[in-house]
């Protein structure tokens, strides 16, 4: 069985990936919360302690203008120490909330979840703590997750990071169990 590591920015993605593993949509594996585009890994990081067969890096693109691609390149270089060949980038269109809207084909998640307060922080809190993904996510709609990487690919091309561009994969074809 492959040793798999999933890395994503926050608690919402952590809870979502826990659901995906429990529901047998993806292979089991470790999850580590870390922003690969804004923070540099250190050699002592627990992320770099175990050799892995596959590493999936989930990236938000909501701050694409501010994104430090050099930090991402640096971090991918360190991840190659634990997984020389199979590092994959899963690109969320903007952030998890926007990606979930796309997956569910729903323009307003606050309405979808009957939230009294329709602020972004209320929605984030609900997604991190309360939402029952098993009621809203199926294999049929999950195929849409991380399926819109074009803008990010273009940005990588413009910044001459073709090696990273080749690591971008679609969730359905790379991560999701068949």
N, C-alpha and C. Protein backbone atom coordinates (compact mmCIF):
# COMPACT_ATOMS: atom_id res chain seq x y z
N UNK A 1 0.84 -1.18 0.00
CA UNK A 1 0.00 0.00 0.00
C UNK A 1 0.88 1.24 0.00
N UNK A 2 0.55 2.20 -0.86
CA UNK A 2 1.32 3.43 -0.97
C UNK A 2 1.24 4.26 0.30
N UNK A 3 2.36 4.90 0.62
CA UNK A 3 2.39 5.89 1.70
C UNK A 3 2.09 7.23 1.05
N UNK A 4 0.96 7.82 1.49
CA UNK A 4 0.46 9.04 0.84
C UNK A 4 0.42 10.17 1.86
N UNK A 5 0.81 11.35 1.39
CA UNK A 5 0.75 12.57 2.20
C UNK A 5 -0.07 13.60 1.45
N UNK A 6 -1.02 14.20 2.16
CA UNK A 6 -1.82 15.29 1.63
C UNK A 6 -1.44 16.55 2.40
N UNK A 7 -1.15 17.63 1.67
CA UNK A 7 -0.80 18.90 2.31
C UNK A 7 -1.75 19.97 1.79
N UNK A 8 -2.39 20.68 2.71
CA UNK A 8 -3.29 21.78 2.31
C UNK A 8 -3.25 22.85 3.39
N UNK A 9 -3.83 23.98 3.06
CA UNK A 9 -3.68 25.19 3.85
C UNK A 9 -4.39 25.19 5.20
N UNK A 10 -5.59 24.63 5.31
CA UNK A 10 -6.34 24.88 6.54
C UNK A 10 -7.19 23.76 7.07
N UNK A 11 -7.92 24.11 8.13
CA UNK A 11 -8.79 23.16 8.84
C UNK A 11 -9.93 22.67 7.96
N UNK A 12 -10.42 23.55 7.09
CA UNK A 12 -11.54 23.16 6.23
C UNK A 12 -11.11 22.03 5.30
N UNK A 13 -9.96 22.19 4.66
CA UNK A 13 -9.46 21.13 3.78
C UNK A 13 -9.14 19.86 4.57
N UNK A 14 -8.62 20.03 5.78
CA UNK A 14 -8.32 18.86 6.61
C UNK A 14 -9.58 18.05 6.89
N UNK A 15 -10.64 18.74 7.25
CA UNK A 15 -11.91 18.05 7.54
C UNK A 15 -12.47 17.41 6.26
N UNK A 16 -12.35 18.11 5.15
CA UNK A 16 -12.83 17.58 3.87
C UNK A 16 -12.05 16.33 3.47
N UNK A 17 -10.73 16.36 3.61
CA UNK A 17 -9.92 15.19 3.25
C UNK A 17 -10.14 14.04 4.22
N UNK A 18 -10.42 14.32 5.47
CA UNK A 18 -10.80 13.25 6.41
C UNK A 18 -12.06 12.56 5.92
N UNK A 19 -13.05 13.36 5.50
CA UNK A 19 -14.28 12.79 4.94
C UNK A 19 -13.97 11.93 3.71
N UNK A 20 -13.13 12.45 2.80
CA UNK A 20 -12.81 11.71 1.58
C UNK A 20 -12.16 10.37 1.89
N UNK A 21 -11.28 10.34 2.89
CA UNK A 21 -10.61 9.09 3.27
C UNK A 21 -11.60 8.11 3.91
N UNK A 22 -12.39 8.59 4.84
CA UNK A 22 -13.37 7.74 5.53
C UNK A 22 -14.40 7.19 4.55
N UNK A 23 -14.77 7.99 3.57
CA UNK A 23 -15.76 7.58 2.57
C UNK A 23 -15.15 6.74 1.46
N UNK A 24 -13.86 6.51 1.54
CA UNK A 24 -13.14 5.69 0.58
C UNK A 24 -13.13 6.28 -0.84
N UNK A 25 -13.17 7.61 -0.92
CA UNK A 25 -13.04 8.29 -2.20
C UNK A 25 -11.57 8.43 -2.59
N UNK A 26 -10.69 8.49 -1.58
CA UNK A 26 -9.25 8.60 -1.82
C UNK A 26 -8.52 7.59 -0.94
N UNK A 27 -7.25 7.36 -1.25
CA UNK A 27 -6.44 6.46 -0.43
C UNK A 27 -6.20 7.07 0.94
N UNK A 28 -6.09 6.22 1.92
CA UNK A 28 -5.76 6.74 3.25
C UNK A 28 -4.35 7.29 3.21
N UNK A 29 -4.07 8.18 4.11
CA UNK A 29 -2.76 8.80 4.18
C UNK A 29 -2.74 9.88 5.23
N UNK A 30 -1.56 10.42 5.45
CA UNK A 30 -1.40 11.50 6.43
C UNK A 30 -1.85 12.82 5.81
N UNK A 31 -2.38 13.69 6.67
CA UNK A 31 -2.72 15.04 6.24
C UNK A 31 -1.91 16.01 7.08
N UNK A 32 -1.31 16.99 6.44
CA UNK A 32 -0.58 18.04 7.15
C UNK A 32 -1.09 19.38 6.67
N UNK A 33 -1.38 20.23 7.63
CA UNK A 33 -1.85 21.58 7.34
C UNK A 33 -0.64 22.49 7.20
N UNK A 34 -0.48 23.05 5.99
CA UNK A 34 0.66 23.94 5.73
C UNK A 34 0.39 24.70 4.44
N UNK A 35 0.72 25.98 4.43
CA UNK A 35 0.55 26.79 3.23
C UNK A 35 1.86 26.80 2.45
N UNK A 36 1.95 25.97 1.45
CA UNK A 36 3.18 25.80 0.67
C UNK A 36 3.54 27.01 -0.18
N UNK A 37 2.59 27.91 -0.37
CA UNK A 37 2.86 29.07 -1.22
C UNK A 37 3.25 30.30 -0.41
N UNK A 38 3.01 30.27 0.88
CA UNK A 38 3.29 31.46 1.67
C UNK A 38 4.27 31.23 2.81
N UNK A 39 4.55 29.98 3.14
CA UNK A 39 5.48 29.67 4.23
C UNK A 39 6.55 28.72 3.71
N UNK A 40 7.76 28.89 4.19
CA UNK A 40 8.83 27.97 3.80
C UNK A 40 8.93 26.84 4.80
N UNK A 41 9.01 25.63 4.28
CA UNK A 41 9.27 24.47 5.13
C UNK A 41 10.68 24.59 5.70
N UNK A 42 10.84 24.07 6.89
CA UNK A 42 12.20 23.98 7.44
C UNK A 42 12.61 22.52 7.39
N UNK A 43 13.90 22.28 7.39
CA UNK A 43 14.40 20.92 7.34
C UNK A 43 13.92 20.06 8.50
N UNK A 44 13.54 20.72 9.62
CA UNK A 44 13.10 20.00 10.81
C UNK A 44 11.58 19.77 10.83
N UNK A 45 10.88 20.22 9.81
CA UNK A 45 9.43 20.09 9.76
C UNK A 45 9.00 18.63 9.83
N UNK A 46 7.92 18.36 10.56
CA UNK A 46 7.41 16.98 10.65
C UNK A 46 6.91 16.48 9.30
N UNK A 47 6.61 17.40 8.39
CA UNK A 47 6.19 17.01 7.04
C UNK A 47 7.30 16.25 6.33
N UNK A 48 8.54 16.58 6.65
CA UNK A 48 9.70 16.00 5.95
C UNK A 48 10.31 14.81 6.68
N UNK A 49 9.63 14.26 7.65
CA UNK A 49 10.22 13.19 8.47
C UNK A 49 10.09 11.79 7.89
N UNK A 50 9.06 11.53 7.10
CA UNK A 50 8.83 10.17 6.59
C UNK A 50 8.88 10.15 5.07
N UNK A 51 9.49 9.10 4.53
CA UNK A 51 9.52 8.89 3.09
C UNK A 51 8.11 8.52 2.61
N UNK A 52 7.69 9.12 1.51
CA UNK A 52 6.35 8.89 0.97
C UNK A 52 6.43 8.38 -0.46
N UNK A 53 5.40 7.67 -0.88
CA UNK A 53 5.28 7.22 -2.27
C UNK A 53 4.61 8.29 -3.14
N UNK A 54 3.68 9.05 -2.52
CA UNK A 54 2.96 10.10 -3.24
C UNK A 54 2.70 11.26 -2.28
N UNK A 55 2.83 12.48 -2.82
CA UNK A 55 2.50 13.69 -2.06
C UNK A 55 1.56 14.53 -2.92
N UNK A 56 0.39 14.83 -2.36
CA UNK A 56 -0.60 15.69 -3.01
C UNK A 56 -0.61 17.03 -2.29
N UNK A 57 -0.34 18.08 -3.03
CA UNK A 57 -0.30 19.43 -2.49
C UNK A 57 -1.51 20.19 -3.01
N UNK A 58 -2.42 20.55 -2.11
CA UNK A 58 -3.62 21.29 -2.49
C UNK A 58 -3.33 22.77 -2.31
N UNK A 59 -3.47 23.53 -3.40
CA UNK A 59 -3.09 24.94 -3.39
C UNK A 59 -4.29 25.84 -3.63
N UNK A 60 -4.44 26.86 -2.78
CA UNK A 60 -5.41 27.93 -3.01
C UNK A 60 -4.80 28.93 -3.98
N UNK A 61 -5.63 29.53 -4.79
CA UNK A 61 -5.12 30.52 -5.75
C UNK A 61 -5.80 31.87 -5.57
N UNK A 62 -6.41 32.11 -4.42
CA UNK A 62 -7.12 33.37 -4.21
C UNK A 62 -6.19 34.57 -4.08
N UNK A 63 -4.94 34.35 -3.80
CA UNK A 63 -3.96 35.45 -3.71
C UNK A 63 -2.91 35.29 -4.80
N UNK A 64 -3.36 34.95 -5.99
CA UNK A 64 -2.43 34.61 -7.06
C UNK A 64 -1.47 35.76 -7.38
N UNK A 65 -1.91 37.00 -7.24
CA UNK A 65 -1.01 38.12 -7.51
C UNK A 65 0.10 38.20 -6.46
N UNK A 66 -0.23 37.83 -5.24
CA UNK A 66 0.72 37.95 -4.14
C UNK A 66 1.51 36.66 -3.90
N UNK A 67 1.11 35.63 -4.57
CA UNK A 67 1.70 34.32 -4.32
C UNK A 67 3.20 34.36 -4.57
N UNK A 68 3.90 33.77 -3.69
CA UNK A 68 5.35 33.69 -3.83
C UNK A 68 5.69 32.35 -4.48
N UNK A 69 5.83 32.39 -5.79
CA UNK A 69 6.13 31.16 -6.52
C UNK A 69 7.50 30.61 -6.14
N UNK A 70 8.40 31.48 -5.77
CA UNK A 70 9.73 31.02 -5.35
C UNK A 70 9.61 30.18 -4.08
N UNK A 71 8.71 30.55 -3.19
CA UNK A 71 8.48 29.77 -1.97
C UNK A 71 7.93 28.40 -2.34
N UNK A 72 7.01 28.36 -3.28
CA UNK A 72 6.46 27.07 -3.73
C UNK A 72 7.55 26.21 -4.35
N UNK A 73 8.37 26.79 -5.20
CA UNK A 73 9.47 26.04 -5.82
C UNK A 73 10.42 25.51 -4.74
N UNK A 74 10.74 26.35 -3.77
CA UNK A 74 11.62 25.95 -2.66
C UNK A 74 11.00 24.75 -1.91
N UNK A 75 9.72 24.87 -1.57
CA UNK A 75 9.05 23.81 -0.81
C UNK A 75 8.96 22.51 -1.59
N UNK A 76 8.68 22.59 -2.88
CA UNK A 76 8.63 21.38 -3.71
C UNK A 76 10.01 20.72 -3.72
N UNK A 77 11.06 21.54 -3.77
CA UNK A 77 12.42 21.00 -3.71
C UNK A 77 12.66 20.22 -2.43
N UNK A 78 12.19 20.74 -1.31
CA UNK A 78 12.34 20.01 -0.04
C UNK A 78 11.48 18.75 -0.01
N UNK A 79 10.29 18.82 -0.56
CA UNK A 79 9.41 17.64 -0.59
C UNK A 79 10.01 16.52 -1.43
N UNK A 80 10.85 16.86 -2.38
CA UNK A 80 11.51 15.83 -3.19
C UNK A 80 12.43 14.94 -2.35
N UNK A 81 12.83 15.42 -1.19
CA UNK A 81 13.64 14.60 -0.28
C UNK A 81 12.86 13.39 0.23
N UNK A 82 11.56 13.57 0.43
CA UNK A 82 10.74 12.47 0.96
C UNK A 82 9.98 11.73 -0.13
N UNK A 83 9.91 12.36 -1.31
CA UNK A 83 9.16 11.77 -2.42
C UNK A 83 9.74 12.28 -3.73
N UNK A 84 10.77 11.65 -4.23
CA UNK A 84 11.48 12.18 -5.40
C UNK A 84 10.67 12.26 -6.70
N UNK A 85 9.67 11.40 -6.86
CA UNK A 85 9.02 11.31 -8.17
C UNK A 85 7.55 11.70 -8.22
N UNK A 86 6.81 11.44 -7.18
CA UNK A 86 5.35 11.57 -7.26
C UNK A 86 4.80 12.69 -6.40
N UNK A 87 5.15 13.91 -6.74
CA UNK A 87 4.58 15.09 -6.09
C UNK A 87 3.59 15.69 -7.07
N UNK A 88 2.35 15.85 -6.61
CA UNK A 88 1.28 16.32 -7.46
C UNK A 88 0.66 17.59 -6.89
N UNK A 89 0.31 18.53 -7.76
CA UNK A 89 -0.33 19.78 -7.35
C UNK A 89 -1.80 19.73 -7.75
N UNK A 90 -2.66 19.89 -6.76
CA UNK A 90 -4.10 19.99 -6.99
C UNK A 90 -4.46 21.46 -6.78
N UNK A 91 -5.02 22.09 -7.79
CA UNK A 91 -5.25 23.53 -7.77
C UNK A 91 -6.72 23.83 -7.50
N UNK A 92 -6.96 24.49 -6.36
CA UNK A 92 -8.31 24.95 -6.05
C UNK A 92 -8.51 26.31 -6.73
N UNK A 93 -9.64 26.47 -7.36
CA UNK A 93 -9.96 27.74 -8.00
C UNK A 93 -10.31 28.74 -6.89
N UNK A 94 -9.43 29.64 -6.63
CA UNK A 94 -9.49 30.65 -5.56
C UNK A 94 -9.22 29.98 -4.21
N UNK A 95 -10.27 29.41 -3.58
CA UNK A 95 -10.12 28.79 -2.26
C UNK A 95 -11.11 27.63 -2.13
N UNK A 96 -11.12 27.00 -0.97
CA UNK A 96 -11.98 25.83 -0.82
C UNK A 96 -13.45 26.18 -0.99
N UNK A 97 -13.87 27.30 -0.45
CA UNK A 97 -15.28 27.68 -0.55
C UNK A 97 -15.70 27.84 -2.01
N UNK A 98 -14.88 28.48 -2.78
CA UNK A 98 -15.18 28.65 -4.21
C UNK A 98 -15.18 27.30 -4.93
N UNK A 99 -14.24 26.47 -4.57
CA UNK A 99 -14.16 25.14 -5.17
C UNK A 99 -15.39 24.31 -4.83
N UNK A 100 -15.84 24.39 -3.58
CA UNK A 100 -17.03 23.64 -3.16
C UNK A 100 -18.27 24.16 -3.89
N UNK A 101 -18.36 25.47 -4.11
CA UNK A 101 -19.47 26.03 -4.90
C UNK A 101 -19.49 25.41 -6.29
N UNK A 102 -18.31 25.28 -6.88
CA UNK A 102 -18.20 24.69 -8.21
C UNK A 102 -18.59 23.21 -8.19
N UNK A 103 -18.11 22.48 -7.20
CA UNK A 103 -18.43 21.05 -7.08
C UNK A 103 -19.93 20.85 -6.93
N UNK A 104 -20.56 21.67 -6.11
CA UNK A 104 -21.99 21.52 -5.83
C UNK A 104 -22.88 22.24 -6.84
N UNK A 105 -22.24 22.98 -7.77
CA UNK A 105 -22.97 23.78 -8.74
C UNK A 105 -23.97 24.69 -8.03
N UNK A 106 -23.44 25.42 -7.06
CA UNK A 106 -24.24 26.27 -6.19
C UNK A 106 -23.56 27.63 -6.06
N UNK A 107 -24.29 28.70 -6.34
CA UNK A 107 -23.68 30.03 -6.30
C UNK A 107 -23.54 30.57 -4.88
N UNK A 108 -24.44 30.19 -3.98
CA UNK A 108 -24.40 30.75 -2.64
C UNK A 108 -24.39 29.63 -1.60
N UNK A 109 -23.22 29.35 -1.07
CA UNK A 109 -23.10 28.27 -0.07
C UNK A 109 -23.82 28.61 1.23
N UNK A 110 -23.86 29.88 1.61
CA UNK A 110 -24.56 30.26 2.84
C UNK A 110 -26.04 29.89 2.74
N UNK A 111 -26.65 30.14 1.60
CA UNK A 111 -28.04 29.74 1.40
C UNK A 111 -28.17 28.23 1.38
N UNK A 112 -27.24 27.58 0.72
CA UNK A 112 -27.27 26.11 0.62
C UNK A 112 -27.26 25.46 2.00
N UNK A 113 -26.49 26.05 2.94
CA UNK A 113 -26.37 25.48 4.28
C UNK A 113 -27.29 26.16 5.30
N UNK A 114 -28.19 27.01 4.81
CA UNK A 114 -29.16 27.70 5.68
C UNK A 114 -28.48 28.42 6.84
N UNK A 115 -27.42 29.15 6.53
CA UNK A 115 -26.72 29.91 7.56
C UNK A 115 -27.43 31.24 7.78
N UNK A 116 -27.69 31.57 9.03
CA UNK A 116 -28.39 32.82 9.34
C UNK A 116 -27.55 34.03 8.98
N UNK A 117 -26.29 33.96 9.27
CA UNK A 117 -25.38 35.06 8.96
C UNK A 117 -24.59 34.66 7.72
N UNK A 118 -24.65 35.47 6.71
CA UNK A 118 -24.01 35.06 5.46
C UNK A 118 -22.63 35.71 5.27
N UNK A 119 -21.88 35.77 6.34
CA UNK A 119 -20.52 36.29 6.21
C UNK A 119 -19.56 35.16 5.84
N UNK A 120 -18.44 35.55 5.27
CA UNK A 120 -17.42 34.57 4.89
C UNK A 120 -16.91 33.81 6.12
N UNK A 121 -16.74 34.49 7.23
CA UNK A 121 -16.23 33.81 8.43
C UNK A 121 -17.24 32.81 8.98
N UNK A 122 -18.54 33.12 8.89
CA UNK A 122 -19.57 32.15 9.31
C UNK A 122 -19.52 30.91 8.43
N UNK A 123 -19.37 31.12 7.14
CA UNK A 123 -19.28 29.99 6.22
C UNK A 123 -18.05 29.15 6.51
N UNK A 124 -16.91 29.80 6.70
CA UNK A 124 -15.68 29.07 7.01
C UNK A 124 -15.83 28.25 8.29
N UNK A 125 -16.42 28.85 9.31
CA UNK A 125 -16.63 28.14 10.58
C UNK A 125 -17.52 26.92 10.36
N UNK A 126 -18.59 27.11 9.60
CA UNK A 126 -19.51 26.00 9.32
C UNK A 126 -18.79 24.87 8.57
N UNK A 127 -18.00 25.21 7.57
CA UNK A 127 -17.29 24.19 6.80
C UNK A 127 -16.23 23.48 7.63
N UNK A 128 -15.63 24.20 8.57
CA UNK A 128 -14.57 23.60 9.41
C UNK A 128 -15.14 22.76 10.54
N UNK A 129 -16.39 23.03 10.95
CA UNK A 129 -16.90 22.37 12.15
C UNK A 129 -18.20 21.61 11.98
N UNK A 130 -19.10 22.09 11.14
CA UNK A 130 -20.47 21.58 11.19
C UNK A 130 -20.97 20.82 9.98
N UNK A 131 -20.50 21.16 8.82
CA UNK A 131 -21.09 20.59 7.62
C UNK A 131 -20.91 19.07 7.57
N UNK A 132 -21.96 18.41 7.11
CA UNK A 132 -21.91 16.97 6.91
C UNK A 132 -21.66 16.72 5.43
N UNK A 133 -20.39 16.50 5.08
CA UNK A 133 -20.05 16.32 3.67
C UNK A 133 -20.73 15.10 3.06
N UNK A 134 -21.01 14.10 3.88
CA UNK A 134 -21.64 12.88 3.35
C UNK A 134 -23.03 13.17 2.79
N UNK A 135 -23.66 14.26 3.20
CA UNK A 135 -24.99 14.61 2.70
C UNK A 135 -24.93 15.37 1.38
N UNK A 136 -23.78 15.94 1.07
CA UNK A 136 -23.72 16.80 -0.12
C UNK A 136 -22.72 16.35 -1.18
N UNK A 137 -21.77 15.49 -0.80
CA UNK A 137 -20.72 15.08 -1.75
C UNK A 137 -20.98 13.64 -2.20
N UNK A 138 -20.97 13.47 -3.50
CA UNK A 138 -21.08 12.13 -4.08
C UNK A 138 -19.94 11.98 -5.07
N UNK A 139 -19.75 10.77 -5.53
CA UNK A 139 -18.72 10.54 -6.53
C UNK A 139 -19.01 11.34 -7.80
N UNK A 140 -20.28 11.50 -8.11
CA UNK A 140 -20.67 12.23 -9.32
C UNK A 140 -20.28 13.70 -9.27
N UNK A 141 -20.45 14.36 -8.13
CA UNK A 141 -20.07 15.77 -8.09
C UNK A 141 -18.61 15.97 -7.66
N UNK A 142 -18.03 15.00 -7.00
CA UNK A 142 -16.65 15.11 -6.56
C UNK A 142 -15.66 15.17 -7.73
N UNK A 143 -16.04 14.65 -8.86
CA UNK A 143 -15.15 14.68 -10.04
C UNK A 143 -14.85 16.12 -10.47
N UNK A 144 -15.63 17.08 -10.01
CA UNK A 144 -15.41 18.48 -10.36
C UNK A 144 -14.36 19.15 -9.47
N UNK A 145 -13.96 18.50 -8.39
CA UNK A 145 -13.01 19.11 -7.44
C UNK A 145 -11.63 19.29 -8.10
N UNK A 146 -11.05 20.45 -7.92
CA UNK A 146 -9.71 20.79 -8.46
C UNK A 146 -9.62 20.53 -9.96
N UNK A 147 -10.61 21.00 -10.66
CA UNK A 147 -10.69 20.74 -12.09
C UNK A 147 -10.53 22.00 -12.95
N UNK A 148 -10.10 23.11 -12.33
CA UNK A 148 -10.00 24.37 -13.06
C UNK A 148 -8.62 25.01 -12.87
N UNK A 149 -7.56 24.36 -13.27
CA UNK A 149 -6.22 24.89 -12.99
C UNK A 149 -5.67 25.86 -14.04
N UNK A 150 -6.45 26.21 -15.06
CA UNK A 150 -5.92 26.95 -16.21
C UNK A 150 -5.26 28.28 -15.84
N UNK A 151 -5.93 29.08 -15.01
CA UNK A 151 -5.37 30.39 -14.64
C UNK A 151 -4.03 30.23 -13.92
N UNK A 152 -3.96 29.25 -13.03
CA UNK A 152 -2.72 29.01 -12.31
C UNK A 152 -1.62 28.51 -13.25
N UNK A 153 -1.98 27.63 -14.18
CA UNK A 153 -1.02 27.15 -15.19
C UNK A 153 -0.46 28.31 -16.00
N UNK A 154 -1.33 29.22 -16.40
CA UNK A 154 -0.89 30.39 -17.15
C UNK A 154 0.09 31.23 -16.34
N UNK A 155 -0.20 31.39 -15.07
CA UNK A 155 0.69 32.16 -14.20
C UNK A 155 2.06 31.47 -14.08
N UNK A 156 2.06 30.15 -13.99
CA UNK A 156 3.32 29.42 -13.94
C UNK A 156 4.11 29.59 -15.23
N UNK A 157 3.42 29.54 -16.36
CA UNK A 157 4.08 29.74 -17.66
C UNK A 157 4.72 31.13 -17.71
N UNK A 158 3.96 32.13 -17.29
CA UNK A 158 4.44 33.51 -17.31
C UNK A 158 5.67 33.71 -16.41
N UNK A 159 5.74 32.91 -15.38
CA UNK A 159 6.86 33.03 -14.43
C UNK A 159 7.95 31.99 -14.70
N UNK A 160 7.84 31.29 -15.81
CA UNK A 160 8.85 30.32 -16.26
C UNK A 160 9.08 29.19 -15.26
N UNK A 161 7.99 28.62 -14.79
CA UNK A 161 8.07 27.47 -13.87
C UNK A 161 7.42 26.25 -14.51
N UNK A 162 7.94 25.84 -15.64
CA UNK A 162 7.35 24.71 -16.37
C UNK A 162 7.44 23.40 -15.59
N UNK A 163 8.47 23.26 -14.76
CA UNK A 163 8.59 22.03 -13.98
C UNK A 163 7.42 21.89 -13.00
N UNK A 164 6.95 23.01 -12.46
CA UNK A 164 5.77 22.96 -11.58
C UNK A 164 4.50 22.72 -12.38
N UNK A 165 4.43 23.32 -13.54
CA UNK A 165 3.24 23.16 -14.39
C UNK A 165 3.00 21.69 -14.69
N UNK A 166 4.06 20.94 -14.90
CA UNK A 166 3.93 19.50 -15.21
C UNK A 166 3.44 18.69 -14.01
N UNK A 167 3.52 19.26 -12.81
CA UNK A 167 3.07 18.55 -11.62
C UNK A 167 1.58 18.74 -11.34
N UNK A 168 0.94 19.65 -12.06
CA UNK A 168 -0.49 19.89 -11.86
C UNK A 168 -1.29 18.71 -12.42
N UNK A 169 -2.18 18.19 -11.60
CA UNK A 169 -3.02 17.06 -12.00
C UNK A 169 -4.47 17.37 -11.63
N UNK A 170 -5.37 16.63 -12.24
CA UNK A 170 -6.78 16.75 -11.88
C UNK A 170 -7.06 15.75 -10.77
N UNK A 171 -7.86 16.15 -9.81
CA UNK A 171 -8.21 15.30 -8.67
C UNK A 171 -8.78 13.96 -9.13
N UNK A 172 -9.71 14.03 -10.05
CA UNK A 172 -10.41 12.83 -10.53
C UNK A 172 -9.44 11.79 -11.08
N UNK A 173 -8.45 12.22 -11.85
CA UNK A 173 -7.58 11.26 -12.53
C UNK A 173 -6.36 10.87 -11.70
N UNK A 174 -6.06 11.60 -10.64
CA UNK A 174 -4.84 11.31 -9.92
C UNK A 174 -5.06 10.82 -8.50
N UNK A 175 -6.06 11.32 -7.85
CA UNK A 175 -6.22 11.12 -6.41
C UNK A 175 -7.44 10.26 -6.08
N UNK A 176 -8.48 10.42 -6.84
CA UNK A 176 -9.75 9.77 -6.55
C UNK A 176 -9.70 8.29 -6.90
N UNK A 177 -10.21 7.48 -5.97
CA UNK A 177 -10.29 6.04 -6.26
C UNK A 177 -11.33 5.80 -7.34
N UNK A 178 -11.08 4.80 -8.14
CA UNK A 178 -12.01 4.48 -9.25
C UNK A 178 -13.07 3.53 -8.81
